[in-house]
Amino acid sequence: MVKAYQILRAILNTAVDDELIRRNPCRIKGADRYDVPERPVLTVAEVYAVADAISPCYRLLVLLAAFTGLRFGELASLRRRDIDTDNAVLMVQRSQAEMQTGALFDKAPKSEAGVRPVAFPTELLPDVKRHLDAHAGPGRDGHVFLGPQGGRLRRSNFRDEWIKARKKAGVMADAHFHDLRHTGNTLAASGASLRELMTRMGHSTPRAALIYQHMVNGRDREIADRLGSMIRETRGDVDS
């Protein structure tokens, strides 16, 4: 019984993190005192192994999830005008959500902290530019990431792509797409202050940021640059 509760609570916590629901309704006094299994943290090499294995139209989705820590809904709602290629910055202004009917819509982040600029490593600029040229929707309001038929990207029509690429890359079988956010936040935590992590992650309270610290401004660019140095160390010189 307790184990089933723990599994359900963990699933719903992920739904809260992904902004699918506002709060976790699975709350029993005293029942949440247990050790939460640590989620996988991919290495930079593993991130690129999946990115290299996935369909080209989703390669950038994997890289940005890992090196910016954005949620799936935030990535799915990105428009061309949200990407500043001159300064290597993403402007997070909304998050995609899905109604029970299956209809997709963009909504404001659940807190003011969710609206934020997030710097990404300049090493990703070639991937960003190639993606915008080949795969993004047209016009400034075109979605950066599209579904397989050219419509809006859904979790359901991306999940099979993720699983297939993960298997092809030989990455751990229990790695979920959301673990890329966990990976990015863990990598970014090195040398970052609590406030800097909170800003980058889009959290208004320190609880989640503290987790990563224990294991935007000019400092956010420094965080992105450190991530970029990890990419160079793993991948060597990045093509321009």
Protein backbone atom coordinates (compact mmCIF):
# COMPACT_ATOMS: atom_id res chain seq x y z
CA MET A 1 0.00 0.00 0.00
CA VAL A 2 2.75 2.43 0.99
CA LYS A 3 4.77 1.55 -2.10
CA ALA A 4 1.77 2.18 -4.38
CA TYR A 5 1.24 5.54 -2.67
CA GLN A 6 4.89 6.44 -3.17
CA ILE A 7 4.75 5.61 -6.88
CA LEU A 8 1.53 7.59 -7.39
CA ARG A 9 2.91 10.55 -5.45
CA ALA A 10 6.13 10.51 -7.50
CA ILE A 11 4.15 10.48 -10.76
CA LEU A 12 2.01 13.39 -9.62
CA ASN A 13 5.08 15.33 -8.44
CA THR A 14 6.44 15.04 -11.96
CA ALA A 15 3.10 16.31 -13.29
CA VAL A 16 3.40 19.34 -10.99
CA ASP A 17 6.97 19.97 -12.19
CA ASP A 18 5.78 19.76 -15.79
CA GLU A 19 2.89 22.14 -14.93
CA LEU A 20 0.25 19.60 -15.95
CA ILE A 21 -1.46 20.07 -12.58
CA ARG A 22 -1.19 22.87 -10.02
CA ARG A 23 -0.60 20.75 -6.92
CA ASN A 24 -0.17 17.15 -5.93
CA PRO A 25 -3.49 15.86 -4.52
CA CYS A 26 -1.77 12.73 -3.19
CA ARG A 27 -1.08 13.92 0.34
CA ILE A 28 -1.45 11.70 3.42
CA LYS A 29 -0.07 13.04 6.68
CA GLY A 30 3.17 11.28 7.53
CA ALA A 31 3.08 9.11 4.40
CA ASP A 32 5.55 11.25 2.48
CA ARG A 33 8.42 10.50 4.82
CA TYR A 34 10.40 8.17 2.64
CA ASP A 35 13.55 8.17 0.56
CA VAL A 36 12.80 9.40 -2.96
CA PRO A 37 14.77 7.44 -5.58
CA GLU A 38 17.34 9.65 -7.26
CA ARG A 39 16.42 10.44 -10.86
CA PRO A 40 19.02 9.67 -13.52
CA VAL A 41 21.52 12.39 -14.42
CA LEU A 42 22.81 11.92 -17.94
CA THR A 43 26.37 12.77 -18.86
CA VAL A 44 27.06 15.30 -21.60
CA ALA A 45 28.12 12.40 -23.82
CA GLU A 46 24.81 10.59 -23.16
CA VAL A 47 22.81 13.73 -23.93
CA TYR A 48 24.55 14.04 -27.29
CA ALA A 49 24.18 10.31 -27.95
CA VAL A 50 20.40 10.69 -27.69
CA ALA A 51 20.45 13.94 -29.69
CA ASP A 52 22.46 12.22 -32.44
CA ALA A 53 20.05 9.25 -32.46
CA ILE A 54 16.76 11.15 -32.52
CA SER A 55 14.97 12.56 -35.57
CA PRO A 56 16.71 15.77 -36.75
CA CYS A 57 13.60 17.84 -36.00
CA TYR A 58 13.90 16.93 -32.30
CA ARG A 59 17.68 17.15 -31.89
CA LEU A 60 17.52 20.74 -30.61
CA LEU A 61 14.67 19.87 -28.25
CA VAL A 62 16.93 17.36 -26.50
CA LEU A 63 19.90 19.74 -26.35
CA LEU A 64 17.93 22.70 -25.02
CA ALA A 65 16.17 20.56 -22.43
CA ALA A 66 19.53 19.37 -21.14
CA PHE A 67 21.46 22.65 -21.27
CA THR A 68 18.77 25.16 -20.30
CA GLY A 69 16.67 23.02 -17.93
CA LEU A 70 13.41 24.15 -19.54
CA ARG A 71 10.30 22.04 -19.03
CA PHE A 72 8.68 20.22 -21.95
CA GLY A 73 5.73 22.64 -21.90
CA GLU A 74 8.05 25.66 -21.99
CA LEU A 75 9.98 24.23 -24.92
CA ALA A 76 6.83 23.23 -26.82
CA SER A 77 5.46 26.78 -26.54
CA LEU A 78 8.62 28.56 -27.74
CA ARG A 79 8.17 30.83 -30.77
CA ARG A 80 10.84 32.08 -33.13
CA ARG A 81 10.66 35.54 -31.54
CA ASP A 82 11.60 34.01 -28.18
CA ILE A 83 15.08 33.08 -29.41
CA ASP A 84 17.81 35.73 -29.40
CA THR A 85 20.61 34.23 -31.47
CA ASP A 86 22.78 37.36 -31.08
CA ASN A 87 23.04 36.84 -27.32
CA ALA A 88 22.27 33.10 -27.13
CA VAL A 89 19.24 33.62 -24.89
CA LEU A 90 15.76 32.09 -24.76
CA MET A 91 12.87 34.16 -23.42
CA VAL A 92 10.45 31.94 -21.52
CA GLN A 93 7.04 33.63 -21.51
CA ARG A 94 4.48 30.82 -21.59
CA SER A 95 4.01 27.09 -21.21
CA GLN A 96 1.98 24.67 -23.29
CA ALA A 97 -0.76 22.75 -21.53
CA GLU A 98 -3.27 20.14 -22.66
CA MET A 99 -6.96 20.01 -21.76
CA GLN A 100 -8.74 16.74 -21.00
CA THR A 101 -10.30 17.03 -24.46
CA GLY A 102 -6.83 16.90 -25.99
CA ALA A 103 -6.85 20.56 -27.03
CA LEU A 104 -3.52 22.35 -26.60
CA PHE A 105 -3.16 25.93 -25.40
CA ASP A 106 -0.47 28.26 -24.13
CA LYS A 107 -0.78 29.61 -20.62
CA ALA A 108 1.20 31.95 -18.44
CA PRO A 109 3.71 30.30 -16.08
CA LYS A 110 2.31 29.45 -12.67
CA SER A 111 4.35 32.22 -11.03
CA GLU A 112 6.06 35.46 -12.08
CA ALA A 113 9.39 33.67 -11.69
CA GLY A 114 8.42 31.46 -14.63
CA VAL A 115 8.77 34.39 -17.04
CA ARG A 116 12.51 34.68 -17.50
CA PRO A 117 15.42 34.88 -19.91
CA VAL A 118 17.60 31.78 -19.94
CA ALA A 119 21.05 31.82 -21.51
CA PHE A 120 22.13 28.78 -23.48
CA PRO A 121 25.68 27.74 -24.39
CA THR A 122 26.94 29.45 -27.54
CA GLU A 123 28.14 26.00 -28.58
CA LEU A 124 24.48 25.26 -29.38
CA LEU A 125 24.11 28.20 -31.80
CA PRO A 126 24.87 26.12 -34.92
CA ASP A 127 22.15 23.64 -33.88
CA VAL A 128 19.73 26.49 -33.14
CA LYS A 129 20.27 28.15 -36.51
CA ARG A 130 20.04 24.87 -38.45
CA HIS A 131 16.82 24.00 -36.65
CA LEU A 132 15.22 27.40 -37.31
CA ASP A 133 16.13 27.13 -40.99
CA ALA A 134 14.87 23.59 -41.46
CA HIS A 135 12.23 22.66 -38.88
CA ALA A 136 10.53 25.63 -37.16
CA GLY A 137 7.17 27.10 -38.10
CA PRO A 138 7.14 30.16 -40.37
CA GLY A 139 7.10 33.77 -39.19
CA ARG A 140 8.09 35.36 -35.90
CA ASP A 141 5.18 33.62 -34.16
CA GLY A 142 5.98 30.22 -35.64
CA HIS A 143 6.52 27.49 -33.07
CA VAL A 144 10.13 26.40 -32.76
CA PHE A 145 9.15 22.74 -32.33
CA LEU A 146 6.41 21.08 -34.35
CA GLY A 147 4.72 17.69 -34.32
CA PRO A 148 5.38 15.02 -36.99
CA GLN A 149 2.55 16.30 -39.19
CA GLY A 150 3.52 19.95 -38.84
CA GLY A 151 1.04 20.73 -36.08
CA ARG A 152 1.80 21.48 -32.46
CA LEU A 153 4.15 19.19 -30.59
CA ARG A 154 2.47 16.86 -28.10
CA ARG A 155 4.00 14.73 -25.39
CA SER A 156 2.18 11.74 -26.82
CA ASN A 157 3.61 12.14 -30.33
CA PHE A 158 7.11 12.77 -28.99
CA ARG A 159 7.28 9.98 -26.43
CA ASP A 160 7.89 7.20 -28.96
CA GLU A 161 10.65 9.29 -30.59
CA TRP A 162 12.35 9.70 -27.21
CA ILE A 163 12.14 6.01 -26.33
CA LYS A 164 13.44 4.92 -29.74
CA ALA A 165 16.38 7.36 -29.61
CA ARG A 166 17.20 6.48 -25.99
CA LYS A 167 17.36 2.79 -26.88
CA LYS A 168 19.44 3.44 -29.99
CA ALA A 169 21.87 5.55 -27.96
CA GLY A 170 22.15 2.87 -25.29
CA VAL A 171 21.15 5.29 -22.53
CA MET A 172 19.73 3.95 -19.26
CA ALA A 173 16.28 2.43 -19.74
CA ASP A 174 14.63 4.40 -16.94
CA ALA A 175 15.69 7.81 -18.30
CA HIS A 176 12.67 10.00 -19.07
CA PHE A 177 12.68 13.17 -21.14
CA HIS A 178 12.04 15.16 -17.97
CA ASP A 179 15.36 13.85 -16.62
CA LEU A 180 17.07 16.16 -19.11
CA ARG A 181 15.79 19.09 -17.02
CA HIS A 182 17.12 17.36 -13.92
CA THR A 183 20.42 16.84 -15.75
CA GLY A 184 20.67 20.48 -16.82
CA ASN A 185 19.87 21.81 -13.38
CA THR A 186 22.39 19.47 -11.79
CA LEU A 187 25.13 20.53 -14.21
CA ALA A 188 24.25 24.21 -13.74
CA ALA A 189 24.39 23.92 -9.95
CA SER A 190 28.19 23.82 -9.97
CA GLY A 191 29.33 27.27 -8.85
CA ALA A 192 25.85 28.86 -9.00
CA SER A 193 24.20 30.60 -6.07
CA LEU A 194 20.76 29.64 -4.79
CA ARG A 195 19.19 32.77 -6.27
CA GLU A 196 20.85 32.20 -9.64
CA LEU A 197 19.55 28.63 -9.76
CA MET A 198 16.04 29.74 -8.79
CA THR A 199 16.06 32.35 -11.55
CA ARG A 200 17.30 29.92 -14.18
CA MET A 201 14.85 27.20 -13.16
CA GLY A 202 11.88 29.56 -12.96
CA HIS A 203 11.08 28.84 -9.30
CA SER A 204 9.74 31.41 -6.87
CA THR A 205 10.70 29.37 -3.78
CA PRO A 206 14.14 27.94 -2.97
CA ARG A 207 13.06 24.35 -2.25
CA ALA A 208 13.82 22.82 -5.67
CA ALA A 209 16.93 24.93 -6.23
CA LEU A 210 18.33 23.81 -2.89
CA ILE A 211 18.11 20.19 -4.03
CA TYR A 212 20.37 20.91 -7.00
CA GLN A 213 22.70 23.14 -5.02
CA HIS A 214 23.30 20.39 -2.52
CA MET A 215 24.30 17.52 -4.88
CA VAL A 216 19.06 36.51 -15.06
CA ASN A 217 21.86 38.39 -15.35
CA GLY A 218 25.49 38.21 -16.32
CA ARG A 219 25.84 35.29 -13.95
CA ASP A 220 23.33 33.28 -15.97
CA ARG A 221 25.60 33.72 -18.99
CA GLU A 222 28.47 32.41 -16.86
CA ILE A 223 26.38 29.34 -16.01
CA ALA A 224 25.67 28.77 -19.72
CA ASP A 225 29.34 29.26 -20.55
CA ARG A 226 30.33 26.63 -17.98
CA LEU A 227 27.88 24.24 -19.60
CA GLY A 228 29.44 25.13 -22.94
CA SER A 229 32.88 24.21 -21.64
CA MET A 230 31.50 20.80 -20.65
CA ILE A 231 30.22 20.38 -24.21
CA ARG A 232 33.63 21.28 -25.67
CA GLU A 233 35.43 18.90 -23.34
CA THR A 234 33.13 16.08 -24.43
CA ARG A 235 32.62 16.91 -28.09
CA GLY A 236 35.80 18.77 -28.98
CA ASP A 237 35.56 21.79 -31.27
CA VAL A 238 32.00 22.72 -32.21
CA ASP A 239 31.32 23.49 -35.86
CA SER A 240 30.31 27.05 -36.49
